[in-house]
Amino acid sequence: MTFLYIIYILVFIIFCLIVYAVMQIKLFGMNVKDFWSFIEANQMLDKLYIFAKQYESMSSQEQIIYLAEAEKVFLAFDKVPSALWEEEYDKYKEVLTKYKDIRMIRWASNS
């Protein structure tokens, strides 16, 4: 019986923590969906950053994939306040620089 009470208390505490987290996200002026996409984009930013550092010349297919994934990251980062990702700014800037370089190369080759 006491084990059942402990389970109920733990479930209630977890529920309260989830509600508190959602309230904090809402108070920060974001949607929960936007915050979740930011978390996923942050993971993708790390991958793109490593990819941008390792590869100086990419194939055409790799460039297209890189551009598509980078655009998803930029959209997700635009939806959240910059205060959340200040520490990721260097990675963001590096990915953005590589994105711009690839766009310029592709634009020059199409002209």
Protein backbone atom coordinates (compact mmCIF):
# COMPACT_ATOMS: atom_id res chain seq x y z
CA MET A 1 0.00 0.00 0.00
CA THR A 2 2.78 2.45 0.85
CA PHE A 3 4.50 1.45 -2.38
CA LEU A 4 1.39 2.57 -4.27
CA TYR A 5 1.40 5.93 -2.46
CA ILE A 6 5.06 6.42 -3.35
CA ILE A 7 4.28 5.72 -7.02
CA TYR A 8 1.39 8.24 -6.96
CA ILE A 9 3.59 10.87 -5.34
CA LEU A 10 6.37 10.32 -7.89
CA VAL A 11 3.93 10.54 -10.80
CA PHE A 12 2.49 13.74 -9.34
CA ILE A 13 5.96 15.24 -8.93
CA ILE A 14 6.88 14.35 -12.52
CA PHE A 15 3.63 15.86 -13.75
CA CYS A 16 4.31 19.05 -11.79
CA LEU A 17 7.82 19.30 -13.23
CA ILE A 18 6.49 18.92 -16.77
CA VAL A 19 3.85 21.59 -16.19
CA TYR A 20 6.49 23.88 -14.68
CA ALA A 21 8.80 23.38 -17.69
CA VAL A 22 5.98 24.13 -20.12
CA MET A 23 5.05 27.24 -18.16
CA GLN A 24 8.65 28.46 -18.25
CA ILE A 25 8.79 27.93 -22.01
CA LYS A 26 5.52 29.82 -22.45
CA LEU A 27 6.71 32.66 -20.19
CA PHE A 28 9.82 32.94 -22.32
CA GLY A 29 7.52 33.65 -25.27
CA MET A 30 7.89 30.41 -27.18
CA ASN A 31 5.76 27.49 -28.19
CA VAL A 32 6.70 24.06 -26.89
CA LYS A 33 6.91 22.81 -30.48
CA ASP A 34 9.37 25.59 -31.37
CA PHE A 35 11.46 24.78 -28.32
CA TRP A 36 11.53 21.09 -29.23
CA SER A 37 12.55 21.89 -32.81
CA PHE A 38 15.30 24.12 -31.37
CA ILE A 39 16.63 21.20 -29.33
CA GLU A 40 16.67 18.99 -32.42
CA ALA A 41 18.25 21.77 -34.49
CA ASN A 42 20.91 22.24 -31.85
CA GLN A 43 21.91 18.59 -32.25
CA MET A 44 21.96 19.02 -36.03
CA LEU A 45 24.05 22.18 -35.65
CA ASP A 46 26.72 20.14 -33.89
CA LYS A 47 26.76 17.64 -36.77
CA LEU A 48 26.87 20.37 -39.42
CA TYR A 49 29.65 22.15 -37.55
CA ILE A 50 31.79 19.01 -37.55
CA PHE A 51 30.92 18.43 -41.20
CA ALA A 52 31.87 22.00 -42.13
CA LYS A 53 35.21 21.65 -40.36
CA GLN A 54 36.13 18.31 -41.93
CA TYR A 55 35.15 18.83 -45.54
CA GLU A 56 36.61 21.64 -47.58
CA SER A 57 35.25 20.44 -50.91
CA MET A 58 31.95 18.64 -51.02
CA SER A 59 30.29 16.82 -53.85
CA SER A 60 27.21 18.39 -55.40
CA GLN A 61 24.92 15.99 -53.55
CA GLU A 62 26.65 16.68 -50.22
CA GLN A 63 26.26 20.40 -50.82
CA ILE A 64 22.53 20.06 -51.43
CA ILE A 65 22.10 17.99 -48.27
CA TYR A 66 24.19 20.46 -46.27
CA LEU A 67 22.16 23.42 -47.56
CA ALA A 68 18.83 21.75 -46.76
CA GLU A 69 19.86 20.76 -43.23
CA ALA A 70 21.42 24.16 -42.55
CA GLU A 71 18.21 25.92 -43.59
CA LYS A 72 16.23 23.76 -41.14
CA VAL A 73 18.66 24.73 -38.38
CA PHE A 74 18.44 28.42 -39.24
CA LEU A 75 14.63 28.33 -39.18
CA ALA A 76 14.56 26.62 -35.79
CA PHE A 77 17.10 29.04 -34.33
CA ASP A 78 15.12 32.02 -35.64
CA LYS A 79 12.06 30.92 -33.65
CA VAL A 80 13.76 31.08 -30.25
CA PRO A 81 15.31 34.06 -28.47
CA SER A 82 19.02 34.50 -29.07
CA ALA A 83 19.70 34.37 -25.34
CA LEU A 84 19.10 30.61 -25.47
CA TRP A 85 21.82 29.94 -27.98
CA GLU A 86 24.51 32.50 -27.16
CA GLU A 87 27.02 29.77 -26.34
CA GLU A 88 26.35 28.07 -29.69
CA TYR A 89 26.96 31.27 -31.66
CA ASP A 90 30.43 30.29 -32.88
CA LYS A 91 29.13 27.01 -34.28
CA TYR A 92 26.16 28.80 -35.82
CA LYS A 93 28.43 31.37 -37.44
CA GLU A 94 30.74 28.68 -38.84
CA VAL A 95 27.82 26.75 -40.32
CA LEU A 96 26.37 29.97 -41.73
CA THR A 97 29.70 30.89 -43.32
CA LYS A 98 29.99 27.48 -44.96
CA TYR A 99 26.35 27.78 -46.06
CA LYS A 100 27.04 31.14 -47.71
CA ASP A 101 30.19 29.80 -49.38
CA ILE A 102 28.32 26.86 -50.85
CA ARG A 103 25.48 29.10 -52.03
CA MET A 104 27.98 31.42 -53.75
CA ILE A 105 29.78 28.51 -55.41
CA ARG A 106 26.52 27.02 -56.63
CA TRP A 107 25.26 30.42 -57.81
CA ALA A 108 28.51 31.12 -59.69
CA SER A 109 28.47 27.70 -61.33
CA ASN A 110 24.83 28.16 -62.45
CA SER A 111 25.51 31.57 -64.00
